[in-house]
Amino acid sequence: MYCSFKSVIHKKMTEKLSIKIKIDGREYPITVGKDDEEKYRKAAKIINDIIVTYRQTYSGKDTQDFLAMTAYQFVLKNMELEEKVDQSPMFDELKKLDEELSDYLSL
């Protein structure tokens, strides 16, 4: 049976895996693209590492506090990244204008 390269690539990209992600001792079953499995597992590891850090630093708090602070930390980081992305086109335009002004002034 003949199978095109494009259809093989498409099939590979759409293959799904059912995996279990463990966050703070609780398992969550999710379905992910085969190529994304490592990314999902790494994200869970980062979350767990942050929770462990909070648990060691603030021993009197409960799990809900650690999860809330971890979520808060990620939202803040996401907001910072969004601000950088939003400013990028502006900086590119300013750089272009600066180059044009430099060229004009050097005449």
N, C-alpha and C. Protein backbone atom coordinates (compact mmCIF):
# COMPACT_ATOMS: atom_id res chain seq x y z
N MET A 1 0.84 -1.18 0.00
CA MET A 1 0.00 0.00 0.00
C MET A 1 0.88 1.24 0.00
N TYR A 2 0.57 2.19 -0.85
CA TYR A 2 1.33 3.42 -0.99
C TYR A 2 0.86 4.44 0.04
N CYS A 3 1.81 5.07 0.70
CA CYS A 3 1.49 6.08 1.71
C CYS A 3 2.42 7.26 1.50
N SER A 4 1.87 8.43 1.31
CA SER A 4 2.70 9.60 1.03
C SER A 4 3.43 10.06 2.29
N PHE A 5 4.54 10.73 2.07
CA PHE A 5 5.34 11.27 3.16
C PHE A 5 4.52 12.27 3.96
N LYS A 6 3.74 13.09 3.27
CA LYS A 6 2.91 14.10 3.93
C LYS A 6 1.90 13.45 4.87
N SER A 7 1.28 12.35 4.45
CA SER A 7 0.29 11.71 5.31
C SER A 7 0.95 11.03 6.51
N VAL A 8 2.18 10.54 6.33
CA VAL A 8 2.91 9.93 7.45
C VAL A 8 3.24 11.01 8.48
N ILE A 9 3.71 12.17 8.01
CA ILE A 9 4.03 13.27 8.91
C ILE A 9 2.77 13.75 9.62
N HIS A 10 1.68 13.89 8.89
CA HIS A 10 0.42 14.34 9.50
C HIS A 10 -0.04 13.35 10.57
N LYS A 11 0.06 12.06 10.27
CA LYS A 11 -0.36 11.05 11.24
C LYS A 11 0.50 11.13 12.50
N LYS A 12 1.81 11.30 12.31
CA LYS A 12 2.70 11.38 13.46
C LYS A 12 2.39 12.60 14.31
N MET A 13 2.07 13.72 13.67
CA MET A 13 1.79 14.95 14.40
C MET A 13 0.47 14.87 15.15
N THR A 14 -0.45 14.04 14.67
CA THR A 14 -1.77 13.96 15.31
C THR A 14 -1.89 12.77 16.26
N GLU A 15 -0.83 11.96 16.39
CA GLU A 15 -0.88 10.84 17.32
C GLU A 15 -1.01 11.37 18.74
N LYS A 16 -1.89 10.75 19.49
CA LYS A 16 -2.14 11.19 20.86
C LYS A 16 -1.70 10.11 21.84
N LEU A 17 -1.31 10.57 23.02
CA LEU A 17 -0.93 9.66 24.10
C LEU A 17 -1.76 10.01 25.32
N SER A 18 -2.18 9.01 26.04
CA SER A 18 -2.81 9.22 27.33
C SER A 18 -1.73 9.04 28.38
N ILE A 19 -1.48 10.11 29.13
CA ILE A 19 -0.45 10.06 30.15
C ILE A 19 -1.03 10.54 31.47
N LYS A 20 -0.32 10.26 32.53
CA LYS A 20 -0.71 10.75 33.85
C LYS A 20 0.37 11.70 34.33
N ILE A 21 -0.06 12.90 34.67
CA ILE A 21 0.83 13.91 35.21
C ILE A 21 0.59 13.98 36.70
N LYS A 22 1.65 13.95 37.49
CA LYS A 22 1.51 14.02 38.94
C LYS A 22 1.95 15.41 39.41
N ILE A 23 1.02 16.08 40.08
CA ILE A 23 1.30 17.40 40.65
C ILE A 23 0.99 17.35 42.13
N ASP A 24 2.00 17.59 42.92
CA ASP A 24 1.90 17.56 44.38
C ASP A 24 1.24 16.28 44.89
N GLY A 25 1.65 15.17 44.31
CA GLY A 25 1.18 13.87 44.77
C GLY A 25 -0.14 13.39 44.18
N ARG A 26 -0.81 14.23 43.40
CA ARG A 26 -2.08 13.83 42.79
C ARG A 26 -1.89 13.62 41.31
N GLU A 27 -2.49 12.54 40.80
CA GLU A 27 -2.35 12.22 39.38
C GLU A 27 -3.50 12.81 38.59
N TYR A 28 -3.14 13.32 37.39
CA TYR A 28 -4.11 13.90 36.49
C TYR A 28 -3.94 13.24 35.12
N PRO A 29 -4.94 12.50 34.66
CA PRO A 29 -4.84 11.90 33.33
C PRO A 29 -5.11 12.96 32.26
N ILE A 30 -4.24 13.03 31.28
CA ILE A 30 -4.44 13.96 30.18
C ILE A 30 -4.05 13.29 28.87
N THR A 31 -4.57 13.80 27.79
CA THR A 31 -4.23 13.32 26.47
C THR A 31 -3.43 14.41 25.78
N VAL A 32 -2.26 14.04 25.28
CA VAL A 32 -1.36 15.02 24.66
C VAL A 32 -0.88 14.47 23.33
N GLY A 33 -0.41 15.38 22.47
CA GLY A 33 0.23 14.96 21.24
C GLY A 33 1.52 14.24 21.57
N LYS A 34 1.82 13.23 20.79
CA LYS A 34 3.02 12.43 21.06
C LYS A 34 4.27 13.29 21.15
N ASP A 35 4.37 14.29 20.30
CA ASP A 35 5.55 15.16 20.29
C ASP A 35 5.58 16.12 21.47
N ASP A 36 4.46 16.29 22.17
CA ASP A 36 4.38 17.23 23.29
C ASP A 36 4.54 16.57 24.65
N GLU A 37 4.66 15.27 24.71
CA GLU A 37 4.71 14.56 26.00
C GLU A 37 5.80 15.11 26.91
N GLU A 38 7.00 15.26 26.37
CA GLU A 38 8.12 15.72 27.19
C GLU A 38 7.84 17.10 27.77
N LYS A 39 7.24 17.98 26.98
CA LYS A 39 6.93 19.34 27.44
C LYS A 39 5.95 19.30 28.61
N TYR A 40 4.94 18.46 28.54
CA TYR A 40 3.95 18.35 29.62
C TYR A 40 4.58 17.78 30.88
N ARG A 41 5.43 16.79 30.73
CA ARG A 41 6.10 16.21 31.89
C ARG A 41 7.07 17.21 32.53
N LYS A 42 7.76 17.97 31.71
CA LYS A 42 8.68 18.98 32.22
C LYS A 42 7.91 20.07 32.97
N ALA A 43 6.77 20.48 32.45
CA ALA A 43 5.95 21.50 33.13
C ALA A 43 5.52 21.00 34.50
N ALA A 44 5.11 19.74 34.59
CA ALA A 44 4.70 19.18 35.88
C ALA A 44 5.88 19.14 36.84
N LYS A 45 7.07 18.82 36.34
CA LYS A 45 8.25 18.78 37.19
C LYS A 45 8.58 20.17 37.73
N ILE A 46 8.48 21.18 36.88
CA ILE A 46 8.75 22.55 37.32
C ILE A 46 7.77 22.96 38.41
N ILE A 47 6.50 22.65 38.20
CA ILE A 47 5.47 22.98 39.21
C ILE A 47 5.80 22.29 40.53
N ASN A 48 6.11 21.00 40.47
CA ASN A 48 6.43 20.26 41.68
C ASN A 48 7.67 20.81 42.38
N ASP A 49 8.68 21.20 41.61
CA ASP A 49 9.89 21.78 42.21
C ASP A 49 9.57 23.09 42.94
N ILE A 50 8.72 23.91 42.35
CA ILE A 50 8.35 25.18 42.99
C ILE A 50 7.56 24.91 44.27
N ILE A 51 6.65 23.95 44.22
CA ILE A 51 5.86 23.61 45.40
C ILE A 51 6.78 23.13 46.53
N VAL A 52 7.77 22.31 46.19
CA VAL A 52 8.73 21.83 47.20
C VAL A 52 9.47 23.00 47.81
N THR A 53 9.88 23.95 46.99
CA THR A 53 10.59 25.13 47.50
C THR A 53 9.70 25.92 48.47
N TYR A 54 8.44 26.14 48.08
CA TYR A 54 7.52 26.85 48.99
C TYR A 54 7.30 26.05 50.27
N ARG A 55 7.18 24.74 50.14
CA ARG A 55 6.95 23.89 51.32
C ARG A 55 8.12 23.98 52.29
N GLN A 56 9.34 24.03 51.76
CA GLN A 56 10.52 24.13 52.61
C GLN A 56 10.65 25.51 53.25
N THR A 57 10.25 26.53 52.52
CA THR A 57 10.37 27.90 53.01
C THR A 57 9.28 28.27 54.00
N TYR A 58 8.07 27.84 53.71
CA TYR A 58 6.91 28.20 54.54
C TYR A 58 6.27 26.93 55.10
N SER A 59 6.89 26.34 56.08
CA SER A 59 6.47 25.03 56.58
C SER A 59 5.10 25.04 57.27
N GLY A 60 4.62 26.17 57.71
CA GLY A 60 3.35 26.21 58.43
C GLY A 60 2.12 26.31 57.53
N LYS A 61 2.30 26.39 56.25
CA LYS A 61 1.18 26.57 55.32
C LYS A 61 0.67 25.23 54.81
N ASP A 62 -0.50 25.24 54.18
CA ASP A 62 -1.04 23.99 53.63
C ASP A 62 -0.86 23.95 52.11
N THR A 63 -1.21 22.81 51.55
CA THR A 63 -1.01 22.58 50.12
C THR A 63 -1.72 23.62 49.26
N GLN A 64 -2.91 24.03 49.65
CA GLN A 64 -3.65 25.03 48.89
C GLN A 64 -2.86 26.33 48.75
N ASP A 65 -2.19 26.72 49.82
CA ASP A 65 -1.36 27.93 49.77
C ASP A 65 -0.21 27.76 48.77
N PHE A 66 0.43 26.61 48.78
CA PHE A 66 1.54 26.38 47.87
C PHE A 66 1.08 26.39 46.42
N LEU A 67 -0.06 25.77 46.16
CA LEU A 67 -0.60 25.75 44.80
C LEU A 67 -0.99 27.16 44.35
N ALA A 68 -1.60 27.92 45.26
CA ALA A 68 -1.99 29.29 44.92
C ALA A 68 -0.77 30.15 44.62
N MET A 69 0.27 30.05 45.41
CA MET A 69 1.47 30.84 45.19
C MET A 69 2.20 30.43 43.91
N THR A 70 2.17 29.14 43.61
CA THR A 70 2.78 28.66 42.37
C THR A 70 2.02 29.22 41.17
N ALA A 71 0.70 29.17 41.22
CA ALA A 71 -0.12 29.73 40.13
C ALA A 71 0.14 31.22 39.98
N TYR A 72 0.20 31.92 41.11
CA TYR A 72 0.46 33.36 41.12
C TYR A 72 1.81 33.67 40.47
N GLN A 73 2.82 32.90 40.82
CA GLN A 73 4.15 33.09 40.26
C GLN A 73 4.13 32.93 38.74
N PHE A 74 3.42 31.91 38.23
CA PHE A 74 3.36 31.68 36.79
C PHE A 74 2.58 32.78 36.07
N VAL A 75 1.52 33.27 36.67
CA VAL A 75 0.75 34.35 36.04
C VAL A 75 1.60 35.61 35.95
N LEU A 76 2.33 35.94 37.01
CA LEU A 76 3.21 37.11 36.97
C LEU A 76 4.26 36.98 35.86
N LYS A 77 4.87 35.80 35.77
CA LYS A 77 5.88 35.58 34.74
C LYS A 77 5.27 35.69 33.35
N ASN A 78 4.07 35.15 33.19
CA ASN A 78 3.38 35.23 31.90
C ASN A 78 3.08 36.69 31.53
N MET A 79 2.67 37.48 32.51
CA MET A 79 2.39 38.89 32.26
C MET A 79 3.66 39.63 31.83
N GLU A 80 4.78 39.33 32.48
CA GLU A 80 6.05 39.95 32.12
C GLU A 80 6.43 39.59 30.68
N LEU A 81 6.25 38.33 30.31
CA LEU A 81 6.58 37.90 28.94
C LEU A 81 5.67 38.55 27.92
N GLU A 82 4.38 38.69 28.26
CA GLU A 82 3.45 39.35 27.34
C GLU A 82 3.84 40.81 27.12
N GLU A 83 4.28 41.49 28.17
CA GLU A 83 4.72 42.88 28.04
C GLU A 83 5.94 42.97 27.12
N LYS A 84 6.87 42.04 27.26
CA LYS A 84 8.05 42.04 26.40
C LYS A 84 7.67 41.81 24.94
N VAL A 85 6.75 40.89 24.71
CA VAL A 85 6.32 40.59 23.34
C VAL A 85 5.62 41.80 22.75
N ASP A 86 4.78 42.46 23.52
CA ASP A 86 4.06 43.62 23.04
C ASP A 86 5.00 44.77 22.70
N GLN A 87 6.12 44.89 23.39
CA GLN A 87 7.05 45.98 23.16
C GLN A 87 8.02 45.71 22.03
N SER A 88 8.17 44.47 21.65
CA SER A 88 9.14 44.10 20.63
C SER A 88 8.94 44.85 19.31
N PRO A 89 7.72 44.90 18.76
CA PRO A 89 7.55 45.64 17.50
C PRO A 89 7.90 47.13 17.65
N MET A 90 7.61 47.70 18.81
CA MET A 90 7.93 49.10 19.04
C MET A 90 9.44 49.31 19.01
N PHE A 91 10.20 48.42 19.66
CA PHE A 91 11.65 48.55 19.67
C PHE A 91 12.23 48.36 18.28
N ASP A 92 11.65 47.45 17.51
CA ASP A 92 12.12 47.25 16.13
C ASP A 92 11.91 48.51 15.31
N GLU A 93 10.76 49.14 15.48
CA GLU A 93 10.46 50.37 14.74
C GLU A 93 11.39 51.50 15.18
N LEU A 94 11.64 51.61 16.49
CA LEU A 94 12.56 52.64 16.99
C LEU A 94 13.97 52.43 16.45
N LYS A 95 14.39 51.19 16.39
CA LYS A 95 15.72 50.89 15.86
C LYS A 95 15.82 51.30 14.38
N LYS A 96 14.76 51.01 13.64
CA LYS A 96 14.72 51.37 12.22
C LYS A 96 14.78 52.89 12.06
N LEU A 97 14.00 53.61 12.87
CA LEU A 97 14.02 55.08 12.81
C LEU A 97 15.39 55.64 13.19
N ASP A 98 16.02 55.03 14.20
CA ASP A 98 17.34 55.47 14.62
C ASP A 98 18.35 55.29 13.48
N GLU A 99 18.27 54.16 12.79
CA GLU A 99 19.18 53.92 11.67
C GLU A 99 18.94 54.92 10.55
N GLU A 100 17.67 55.22 10.27
CA GLU A 100 17.35 56.19 9.22
C GLU A 100 17.87 57.58 9.59
N LEU A 101 17.69 57.97 10.87
CA LEU A 101 18.20 59.27 11.32
C LEU A 101 19.71 59.33 11.25
N SER A 102 20.37 58.25 11.64
CA SER A 102 21.84 58.21 11.57
C SER A 102 22.32 58.34 10.15
N ASP A 103 21.65 57.64 9.23
CA ASP A 103 22.01 57.74 7.82
C ASP A 103 21.83 59.17 7.30
N TYR A 104 20.71 59.76 7.68
CA TYR A 104 20.40 61.13 7.23
C TYR A 104 21.40 62.13 7.80
N LEU A 105 21.74 62.00 9.07
CA LEU A 105 22.65 62.94 9.69
C LEU A 105 24.10 62.78 9.20
N SER A 106 24.43 61.62 8.70
CA SER A 106 25.80 61.39 8.23
C SER A 106 26.01 61.92 6.81
N LEU A 107 24.96 62.40 6.16
CA LEU A 107 25.10 62.93 4.81
C LEU A 107 25.85 64.22 4.76
